[in-house]
Protein backbone atom coordinates (compact mmCIF):
# COMPACT_ATOMS: atom_id res chain seq x y z
CA MET A 1 -37.08 5.06 -18.96
CA ARG A 2 -36.61 2.07 -21.27
CA ASP A 3 -34.83 4.19 -23.88
CA ALA A 4 -32.63 5.79 -21.21
CA VAL A 5 -31.44 2.48 -19.79
CA ARG A 6 -31.01 0.83 -23.20
CA GLY A 7 -29.13 3.83 -24.56
CA SER A 8 -31.12 4.48 -27.73
CA ARG A 9 -29.42 6.91 -30.13
CA HIS A 10 -30.68 10.43 -29.70
CA ASP A 11 -29.77 13.84 -31.12
CA TYR A 12 -29.35 16.00 -28.00
CA THR A 13 -28.96 19.17 -30.05
CA SER A 14 -32.63 19.23 -31.08
CA GLY A 15 -36.06 18.20 -29.85
CA SER A 16 -37.47 18.20 -26.32
CA ILE A 17 -34.98 19.42 -23.72
CA ARG A 18 -36.77 17.64 -20.87
CA ARG A 19 -36.65 14.32 -22.72
CA ALA A 20 -32.97 14.81 -23.56
CA ILE A 21 -32.07 15.55 -19.94
CA PHE A 22 -34.07 12.53 -18.75
CA LEU A 23 -32.34 10.22 -21.25
CA LEU A 24 -28.93 11.43 -20.05
CA ALA A 25 -29.64 11.69 -16.33
CA VAL A 26 -31.22 8.27 -15.67
CA PRO A 27 -28.16 6.15 -16.59
CA MET A 28 -25.84 8.64 -14.89
CA VAL A 29 -27.83 8.34 -11.65
CA LEU A 30 -27.92 4.53 -11.87
CA GLU A 31 -24.18 4.51 -12.52
CA MET A 32 -23.54 6.45 -9.30
CA VAL A 33 -25.89 4.28 -7.27
CA MET A 34 -23.95 1.18 -8.35
CA GLU A 35 -20.69 2.87 -7.36
CA SER A 36 -22.14 3.56 -3.93
CA LEU A 37 -23.29 -0.05 -3.53
CA PHE A 38 -19.79 -1.26 -4.33
CA ALA A 39 -18.28 1.02 -1.68
CA VAL A 40 -20.72 -0.26 0.95
CA SER A 41 -20.12 -3.90 -0.02
CA ASP A 42 -16.34 -3.51 0.07
CA VAL A 43 -16.34 -1.99 3.55
CA PHE A 44 -18.83 -4.62 4.79
CA TRP A 45 -16.63 -7.60 3.91
CA VAL A 46 -13.31 -6.03 4.87
CA GLY A 47 -14.82 -4.98 8.20
CA LYS A 48 -15.11 -8.67 9.14
CA LEU A 49 -11.31 -8.99 9.01
CA GLY A 50 -10.72 -6.65 11.94
CA PRO A 51 -9.53 -3.10 12.59
CA ASP A 52 -6.12 -3.50 10.89
CA ALA A 53 -7.78 -4.43 7.61
CA VAL A 54 -10.21 -1.52 7.84
CA ALA A 55 -7.34 0.84 8.68
CA THR A 56 -5.42 -0.42 5.65
CA VAL A 57 -8.34 0.28 3.36
CA GLY A 58 -8.89 3.71 4.87
CA LEU A 59 -5.25 4.76 4.57
CA THR A 60 -4.95 3.44 1.02
CA GLU A 61 -8.16 5.14 -0.07
CA SER A 62 -6.79 8.43 1.25
CA MET A 63 -3.82 7.95 -1.10
CA MET A 64 -6.10 6.95 -3.97
CA ILE A 65 -7.77 10.37 -3.67
CA VAL A 66 -4.78 11.75 -5.59
CA VAL A 67 -5.53 9.36 -8.46
CA TYR A 68 -9.27 10.08 -8.38
CA THR A 69 -8.74 13.85 -8.32
CA LEU A 70 -6.42 13.85 -11.32
CA ALA A 71 -8.76 11.48 -13.18
CA VAL A 72 -11.85 13.60 -12.53
CA GLY A 73 -9.99 16.73 -13.62
CA LEU A 74 -8.97 15.15 -16.93
CA SER A 75 -12.41 13.61 -17.44
CA ILE A 76 -13.97 17.10 -17.25
CA ALA A 77 -11.74 18.17 -20.14
CA VAL A 78 -12.47 15.01 -22.14
CA THR A 79 -16.23 15.27 -21.62
CA ALA A 80 -16.33 18.94 -22.66
CA THR A 81 -14.18 18.38 -25.75
CA VAL A 82 -16.04 15.30 -26.98
CA ALA A 83 -19.42 16.95 -26.35
CA ARG A 84 -18.41 20.00 -28.38
CA ARG A 85 -17.27 17.88 -31.35
CA ILE A 86 -20.44 15.77 -31.27
CA GLY A 87 -22.52 18.94 -31.22
CA GLU A 88 -20.61 20.11 -34.30
CA LYS A 89 -21.65 16.84 -35.99
CA ASN A 90 -17.98 15.87 -36.24
CA PRO A 91 -17.75 12.31 -34.82
CA ASP A 92 -14.24 11.82 -36.22
CA ALA A 93 -12.93 14.77 -34.21
CA ALA A 94 -14.79 13.45 -31.15
CA ALA A 95 -13.10 10.06 -31.57
CA ARG A 96 -9.67 11.70 -31.91
CA ALA A 97 -10.32 13.73 -28.75
CA ALA A 98 -11.25 10.55 -26.86
CA VAL A 99 -8.01 8.91 -28.03
CA GLN A 100 -5.91 11.88 -26.82
CA GLY A 101 -7.58 11.73 -23.42
CA ILE A 102 -6.93 8.00 -23.13
CA VAL A 103 -3.27 8.46 -24.07
CA ILE A 104 -2.80 11.21 -21.48
CA ALA A 105 -4.52 9.03 -18.88
CA ALA A 106 -2.34 6.02 -19.73
CA ILE A 107 0.87 8.02 -19.37
CA ALA A 108 -0.11 9.82 -16.16
CA SER A 109 -1.69 6.82 -14.46
CA GLY A 110 1.14 4.51 -15.50
CA ALA A 111 3.68 6.75 -13.78
CA LEU A 112 1.54 7.03 -10.65
CA ALA A 113 0.92 3.28 -10.55
CA ALA A 114 4.63 2.47 -10.85
CA LEU A 115 5.56 4.87 -8.06
CA GLY A 116 2.75 3.63 -5.86
CA ALA A 117 3.65 -0.03 -6.29
CA VAL A 118 7.33 0.56 -5.51
CA PHE A 119 6.86 2.87 -2.53
CA ALA A 120 3.67 1.35 -1.06
CA PRO A 121 5.16 0.45 2.37
CA ASP A 122 6.88 3.83 2.67
CA LEU A 123 3.64 5.63 1.79
CA LEU A 124 1.71 3.60 4.36
CA ALA A 125 4.29 4.42 7.03
CA THR A 126 4.15 8.11 6.10
CA MET A 127 0.38 8.04 6.53
CA GLY A 128 0.88 6.80 10.09
CA ALA A 129 0.21 3.08 9.68
CA SER A 130 0.96 0.96 12.75
CA PRO A 131 3.44 -1.96 12.51
CA SER A 132 0.55 -4.44 12.41
CA VAL A 133 -1.10 -2.55 9.55
CA LEU A 134 2.20 -2.47 7.66
CA ALA A 135 2.57 -6.21 8.14
CA THR A 136 -0.88 -7.14 6.91
CA GLY A 137 -1.68 -4.29 4.53
CA THR A 138 1.38 -3.64 2.40
CA ARG A 139 0.34 -6.11 -0.30
CA PHE A 140 -3.15 -4.57 -0.41
CA THR A 141 -1.76 -1.07 -0.84
CA ARG A 142 0.80 -2.20 -3.42
CA MET A 143 -1.90 -3.90 -5.48
CA MET A 144 -4.36 -0.99 -5.22
CA LEU A 145 -1.81 1.66 -6.15
CA GLY A 146 -0.15 -0.54 -8.75
CA GLY A 147 -3.53 -1.23 -10.36
CA SER A 148 -4.77 2.35 -10.08
CA SER A 149 -4.40 2.84 -13.85
CA THR A 150 -7.61 0.86 -14.28
CA ALA A 151 -9.56 3.35 -12.14
CA PHE A 152 -7.97 6.31 -13.95
CA LEU A 153 -8.80 4.93 -17.39
CA LEU A 154 -12.38 4.15 -16.38
CA PHE A 155 -12.91 7.79 -15.43
CA ILE A 156 -11.56 9.02 -18.76
CA ILE A 157 -13.27 6.55 -21.10
CA ASN A 158 -16.61 6.97 -19.34
CA GLY A 159 -16.14 10.74 -19.49
CA ALA A 160 -15.81 10.44 -23.27
CA PHE A 161 -18.99 8.35 -23.46
CA ARG A 162 -20.91 10.90 -21.37
CA GLY A 163 -19.71 13.77 -23.53
CA ALA A 164 -20.92 11.91 -26.62
CA GLY A 165 -24.34 11.39 -25.02
CA ASP A 166 -23.74 7.66 -24.52
CA ALA A 167 -24.44 7.69 -20.78
CA ALA A 168 -26.03 4.22 -20.94
CA VAL A 169 -22.74 2.74 -22.20
CA SER A 170 -20.87 4.38 -19.34
CA MET A 171 -23.45 2.95 -16.93
CA ARG A 172 -22.98 -0.58 -18.27
CA VAL A 173 -19.20 -0.31 -17.99
CA LEU A 174 -19.35 0.57 -14.29
CA TRP A 175 -22.10 -1.93 -13.57
CA LEU A 176 -19.97 -4.71 -15.03
CA SER A 177 -16.86 -3.53 -13.20
CA ASN A 178 -18.56 -3.20 -9.83
CA ALA A 179 -20.63 -6.38 -10.18
CA ILE A 180 -17.43 -8.39 -10.69
CA ASN A 181 -15.90 -6.63 -7.72
CA ILE A 182 -18.88 -7.28 -5.46
CA VAL A 183 -18.99 -10.99 -6.36
CA LEU A 184 -15.23 -11.62 -6.27
CA GLY A 185 -14.64 -9.65 -3.07
CA PRO A 186 -15.85 -12.16 -0.47
CA ILE A 187 -14.65 -15.11 -2.59
CA LEU A 188 -11.04 -13.89 -2.64
CA ILE A 189 -11.08 -12.41 0.87
CA PHE A 190 -12.32 -15.54 2.67
CA GLY A 191 -11.36 -18.26 0.17
CA VAL A 192 -14.48 -19.84 -1.31
CA GLY A 193 -14.26 -23.08 -3.31
CA PRO A 194 -10.91 -23.48 -5.09
CA PHE A 195 -9.82 -19.93 -4.26
CA PRO A 196 -7.37 -19.41 -1.38
CA ALA A 197 -8.21 -17.02 1.44
CA MET A 198 -6.21 -13.86 0.69
CA GLY A 199 -7.56 -11.62 3.43
CA VAL A 200 -7.56 -7.90 2.73
CA THR A 201 -5.30 -8.45 -0.30
CA GLY A 202 -8.19 -10.35 -1.91
CA ALA A 203 -10.27 -7.17 -1.80
CA ALA A 204 -7.58 -5.32 -3.75
CA LEU A 205 -7.32 -8.12 -6.31
CA ALA A 206 -11.11 -8.20 -6.77
CA THR A 207 -11.16 -4.43 -7.28
CA THR A 208 -8.32 -4.52 -9.81
CA ILE A 209 -9.87 -7.41 -11.76
CA GLY A 210 -13.26 -5.70 -11.81
CA ARG A 211 -11.88 -2.37 -12.96
CA GLY A 212 -9.55 -3.99 -15.48
CA THR A 213 -12.46 -5.91 -16.99
CA GLY A 214 -14.43 -2.67 -17.11
CA VAL A 215 -11.62 -0.94 -19.03
CA LEU A 216 -11.43 -3.77 -21.58
CA PHE A 217 -15.21 -3.73 -22.02
CA ALA A 218 -15.20 0.06 -22.45
CA LEU A 219 -12.43 -0.11 -25.06
CA SER A 220 -14.37 -2.78 -26.93
CA ARG A 221 -17.43 -0.49 -26.95
CA LEU A 222 -15.28 2.29 -28.39
CA ALA A 223 -13.91 0.01 -31.09
CA ARG A 224 -17.35 -1.37 -32.00
CA GLY A 225 -18.94 2.08 -32.05
CA SER A 226 -21.58 1.98 -29.35
CA GLY A 227 -23.89 4.96 -29.65
CA HIS A 228 -22.42 8.20 -30.95
CA LEU A 229 -18.73 7.49 -30.33
CA ALA A 230 -16.63 5.09 -32.40
CA VAL A 231 -12.83 4.89 -32.50
CA ALA A 232 -11.32 3.40 -35.66
CA ARG A 233 -7.70 2.82 -36.62
CA LYS A 234 -7.55 6.19 -38.43
CA HIS A 235 -8.32 8.00 -35.17
CA VAL A 236 -5.42 6.44 -33.27
CA ALA A 237 -2.76 9.12 -33.78
CA LEU A 238 -1.22 11.63 -31.42
CA ASP A 239 -2.34 15.26 -31.65
CA PRO A 240 0.08 17.22 -29.39
CA PRO A 241 -1.73 20.61 -29.65
CA LEU A 242 -5.05 19.01 -28.67
CA MET A 243 -3.38 17.07 -25.87
CA ALA A 244 -1.85 20.30 -24.55
CA ARG A 245 -5.24 22.05 -24.54
CA MET A 246 -6.83 19.15 -22.69
CA VAL A 247 -4.02 19.10 -20.12
CA ARG A 248 -4.47 22.84 -19.48
CA MET A 249 -8.22 22.42 -19.10
CA SER A 250 -7.77 19.42 -16.83
CA GLY A 251 -5.39 21.40 -14.61
CA ASN A 252 -8.19 23.78 -13.70
CA GLY A 253 -10.60 20.86 -13.34
CA THR A 254 -8.23 19.04 -10.98
CA PHE A 255 -7.75 22.13 -8.83
CA GLN A 256 -11.52 22.63 -8.80
CA VAL A 257 -12.10 19.11 -7.46
CA LEU A 258 -9.33 19.53 -4.86
CA VAL A 259 -10.80 22.78 -3.60
CA GLY A 260 -14.23 21.21 -3.17
CA SER A 261 -13.05 18.00 -1.50
CA MET A 262 -10.49 19.63 0.77
CA SER A 263 -13.10 22.03 2.15
CA TRP A 264 -14.79 19.05 3.84
CA ILE A 265 -11.51 18.28 5.62
CA GLY A 266 -11.51 21.82 6.97
CA LEU A 267 -15.02 21.33 8.38
CA VAL A 268 -14.00 17.99 9.92
CA ARG A 269 -11.09 19.71 11.67
CA ILE A 270 -13.45 22.27 13.22
CA MET A 271 -16.01 19.63 14.22
CA ALA A 272 -13.32 17.40 15.75
CA GLY A 273 -12.70 20.07 18.36
CA PHE A 274 -16.10 19.35 19.92
CA GLY A 275 -15.30 15.73 20.80
CA SER A 276 -16.06 12.24 19.56
CA ILE A 277 -19.85 12.48 20.01
CA SER A 278 -20.11 15.54 17.78
CA MET A 279 -17.70 14.00 15.28
CA ALA A 280 -19.68 10.76 15.13
CA GLY A 281 -22.94 12.66 14.58
CA TYR A 282 -21.36 14.76 11.86
CA THR A 283 -20.03 11.64 10.12
CA ILE A 284 -23.45 9.98 10.09
CA ALA A 285 -25.21 13.11 8.83
CA ILE A 286 -22.72 13.70 6.02
CA ARG A 287 -22.80 10.04 4.89
CA VAL A 288 -26.60 10.17 4.56
CA ILE A 289 -26.45 13.56 2.82
CA LEU A 290 -23.81 12.49 0.28
CA PHE A 291 -25.76 9.36 -0.62
CA ALA A 292 -28.87 11.48 -1.22
CA LEU A 293 -26.95 13.87 -3.48
CA LEU A 294 -26.05 11.15 -6.00
CA PRO A 295 -29.07 11.72 -8.27
CA ALA A 296 -28.37 15.46 -8.22
CA TRP A 297 -24.93 14.86 -9.72
CA GLY A 298 -26.59 12.84 -12.47
CA LEU A 299 -28.68 15.85 -13.47
CA GLY A 300 -25.63 18.09 -13.25
CA ASN A 301 -23.65 15.82 -15.57
CA ALA A 302 -26.60 15.73 -17.97
CA ALA A 303 -26.62 19.53 -18.07
CA ALA A 304 -22.88 19.57 -18.79
CA THR A 305 -23.31 17.25 -21.78
CA MET A 306 -26.26 19.26 -23.09
CA VAL A 307 -24.29 22.51 -22.85
CA GLY A 308 -21.26 21.11 -24.65
CA GLN A 309 -23.26 19.64 -27.51
CA ALA A 310 -25.52 22.69 -27.89
CA LEU A 311 -22.52 25.02 -28.05
CA GLY A 312 -20.97 22.73 -30.65
CA ALA A 313 -24.17 23.09 -32.67
CA LYS A 314 -23.91 26.92 -32.31
CA ASN A 315 -27.19 26.96 -30.39
CA THR A 316 -26.45 28.98 -27.25
CA ALA A 317 -30.15 29.50 -26.53
CA ARG A 318 -30.69 25.72 -26.29
CA ALA A 319 -27.65 25.41 -24.03
CA GLU A 320 -29.03 28.03 -21.66
CA ASP A 321 -32.56 26.57 -21.71
CA ALA A 322 -31.14 23.12 -20.92
CA VAL A 323 -29.33 24.44 -17.86
CA TRP A 324 -32.37 26.26 -16.45
CA THR A 325 -34.52 23.17 -17.09
CA ALA A 326 -32.05 20.83 -15.39
CA ALA A 327 -31.70 23.27 -12.50
CA ARG A 328 -35.47 23.42 -11.94
CA LEU A 329 -35.75 19.63 -12.06
CA ASN A 330 -32.87 19.30 -9.61
CA VAL A 331 -34.43 21.82 -7.23
CA ALA A 332 -37.72 19.90 -7.32
CA PHE A 333 -36.01 16.58 -6.65
CA LEU A 334 -33.60 17.68 -3.93
CA GLY A 335 -36.24 19.95 -2.43
CA ALA A 336 -38.49 16.92 -1.95
CA MET A 337 -35.57 14.91 -0.53
CA GLY A 338 -34.74 17.78 1.82
CA LEU A 339 -38.32 17.90 3.08
CA LEU A 340 -38.26 14.15 3.79
CA PHE A 341 -34.97 14.51 5.66
CA ILE A 342 -36.29 17.39 7.74
CA VAL A 343 -39.47 15.51 8.72
CA PHE A 344 -37.93 12.05 9.22
CA ALA A 345 -34.39 12.98 10.31
CA ARG A 346 -34.69 11.29 13.71
CA VAL A 347 -36.02 8.07 12.16
CA ILE A 348 -33.26 7.99 9.53
CA VAL A 349 -30.52 8.61 12.09
CA SER A 350 -31.86 5.88 14.40
CA ALA A 351 -30.85 3.30 11.78
CA PHE A 352 -27.20 4.27 12.28
CA THR A 353 -26.82 4.87 16.01
CA LYS A 354 -28.55 4.23 19.32
CA ASP A 355 -26.47 6.79 21.20
CA SER A 356 -28.78 9.70 22.05
CA GLY A 357 -26.00 12.29 21.99
CA VAL A 358 -24.74 11.21 18.58
CA ALA A 359 -28.32 11.02 17.31
CA ASP A 360 -29.02 14.59 18.45
CA VAL A 361 -26.01 15.93 16.53
CA ALA A 362 -26.77 13.90 13.41
CA THR A 363 -30.46 14.86 13.44
CA TYR A 364 -29.70 18.58 13.74
CA GLY A 365 -27.07 18.34 11.00
CA LEU A 366 -29.33 16.43 8.65
CA ARG A 367 -32.13 18.96 9.05
CA ALA A 368 -29.88 22.01 8.73
CA VAL A 369 -28.10 20.86 5.59
CA ALA A 370 -31.29 19.45 4.03
CA ALA A 371 -32.82 22.92 4.29
CA GLY A 372 -30.12 24.03 1.85
CA PHE A 373 -30.69 21.21 -0.66
CA PRO A 374 -32.68 23.35 -3.14
CA PHE A 375 -29.91 25.97 -3.20
CA PHE A 376 -27.20 23.34 -3.67
CA ALA A 377 -29.23 21.65 -6.41
CA PHE A 378 -29.47 24.92 -8.33
CA GLY A 379 -25.86 25.99 -7.88
CA MET A 380 -24.44 22.57 -8.65
CA VAL A 381 -26.17 22.35 -12.04
CA LEU A 382 -24.88 25.79 -12.99
CA THR A 383 -21.27 24.99 -12.01
CA GLN A 384 -21.43 21.74 -13.96
CA ALA A 385 -22.74 23.72 -16.93
CA PHE A 386 -19.59 25.87 -16.84
CA ASN A 387 -17.53 22.68 -17.00
CA GLY A 388 -19.60 21.41 -19.91
CA SER A 389 -18.80 24.57 -21.86
CA GLY A 390 -15.08 24.03 -21.25
CA ASP A 391 -14.89 26.90 -18.75
CA THR A 392 -13.29 25.05 -15.83
CA TRP A 393 -11.79 28.16 -14.26
CA THR A 394 -15.09 29.84 -13.30
CA PRO A 395 -16.37 26.96 -11.10
CA THR A 396 -12.88 26.73 -9.58
CA LYS A 397 -13.12 30.38 -8.53
CA ILE A 398 -16.65 29.79 -7.26
CA ASN A 399 -15.50 26.85 -5.13
CA LEU A 400 -12.57 28.84 -3.75
CA GLY A 401 -14.75 31.80 -2.83
CA VAL A 402 -17.75 29.91 -1.48
CA PHE A 403 -16.09 27.04 0.36
CA TRP A 404 -12.69 28.42 1.42
CA VAL A 405 -13.06 32.19 1.66
CA PHE A 406 -16.58 32.02 3.13
CA GLU A 407 -17.68 28.61 4.45
CA ILE A 408 -14.69 27.51 6.52
CA PRO A 409 -14.03 30.89 8.22
CA PHE A 410 -17.78 31.28 8.83
CA ALA A 411 -17.98 27.78 10.35
CA TRP A 412 -14.99 28.48 12.61
CA ALA A 413 -16.33 31.85 13.75
CA VAL A 414 -19.86 30.65 14.51
CA ALA A 415 -18.79 27.33 16.04
CA THR A 416 -16.04 28.68 18.30
CA HIS A 417 -17.14 32.25 19.07
CA THR A 418 -20.91 31.92 19.57
CA SER A 419 -23.25 29.76 21.62
CA PHE A 420 -24.13 27.69 18.54
CA GLY A 421 -21.11 25.43 19.09
CA TYR A 422 -20.96 22.43 16.74
CA ARG A 423 -24.21 23.60 15.14
CA GLY A 424 -22.22 26.40 13.53
CA VAL A 425 -20.54 23.89 11.20
CA PHE A 426 -23.87 22.70 9.81
CA LEU A 427 -25.19 26.26 9.56
CA ALA A 428 -22.09 27.18 7.57
CA VAL A 429 -22.87 24.43 5.04
CA LEU A 430 -26.43 25.78 4.71
CA ALA A 431 -25.13 29.31 4.21
CA ALA A 432 -22.52 28.14 1.69
CA TYR A 433 -25.16 26.32 -0.37
CA THR A 434 -27.23 29.51 -0.49
CA LEU A 435 -24.22 31.57 -1.56
CA LEU A 436 -23.28 28.96 -4.18
CA ALA A 437 -26.67 29.35 -5.85
CA ALA A 438 -26.48 33.15 -5.82
CA VAL A 439 -22.92 33.47 -7.13
CA SER A 440 -23.37 30.77 -9.79
CA THR A 441 -26.55 32.43 -11.06
CA ILE A 442 -24.89 35.86 -11.36
CA LEU A 443 -21.86 34.50 -13.24
CA PHE A 444 -23.95 32.23 -15.46
CA LYS A 445 -26.22 35.09 -16.50
CA GLN A 446 -23.16 37.12 -17.56
CA GLY A 447 -22.88 34.61 -20.41
CA LYS A 448 -19.08 34.54 -20.81
CA TRP A 449 -19.23 30.72 -20.88
CA LYS A 450 -20.98 30.96 -24.27
CA LEU A 451 -17.78 32.35 -25.80
CA LYS A 452 -15.51 29.55 -24.55
CA HIS A 453 -13.66 27.73 -27.34
CA VAL A 454 -12.75 24.06 -26.84
């Protein structure tokens, strides 16, 4: 645990696979927990400003999803490429790959930020903002969209660190960024000491300052050579062929993320047809579920790094062993979490609502989805492993088939054409998790990912 948090140098292409996964997963999990704490803190303070402020944040965040999706897609490509070069024991090539990713991110995010800053009020109006929200929230939206380059760059630089096996550095970057944000948020929102009260705009400024500081700190780590990745002056040169390959890979990664995230919107649309009580229960259940899944993503990211580096070292057997090991650990962890949720669902839900109708929906949903946790844990590690190998198209096809071709139609059919009603939506998630594990296992065992060149 000490070595994992401190980020001690480690060769992930040899030695104990369990130790390697632990060293990678711990800082990745802690990084995600901090991100979640920031999100809760931000909503807590803004919520004290009234419904217009909350609506502004909600509408702006829905627009920021475009930025996040593009950033995650590119970070998948950067992580896979850097991991492969590190596995080949070629740190110079890894550094050059990180530079290309940062350049692509700077160009893409700069264009998005400029457009967002200029057209912020028009975008808010298009999203359905009321006149009062437009009056109080335009500056917030302009600052968030105009400063979105900081978020984009954080995704990419941290993706490079993860690919290199420097997950602890990535963790420190986000901890610093979010700590600044959490501290500055209430100070700038309400005006503490010499700072003027800026209202909801203060939340945007705190976020931009925190993320900007995180980017500068991350760049300094790259320049100083923290861990396995170091960028020197000789690495700062454009490589158009490599940039083109990364853009192509990121295109699949972006589509993959969109497919996964948009499927939840489809489920919300079905659930909304059963009224506000069902919708409120669904919202509570999903919030609790998503928070519990954070550690699972840490193990999935660890598997992706292990696969990339092992393939770079021409050790396909180690890559495969790492994935099965990470999958078993993830099943054990999420299986235990699922059991706790099933047993204590009513107690957990009672902390969020006192309405008996809402509690009934949330309790059923929590138990139904938690029953599928082991299947999701297994399938998620395998899909992340595909990404780690540079094969971003296979998990995209899996997401399309499992979540769009199967889950959404199944949810609609069961929820609207049987006596299950709203329960059909939760049962569809359980069924989709089971199918995800089965399909991912079949495709992973075919072994085509071992032949992917990055």
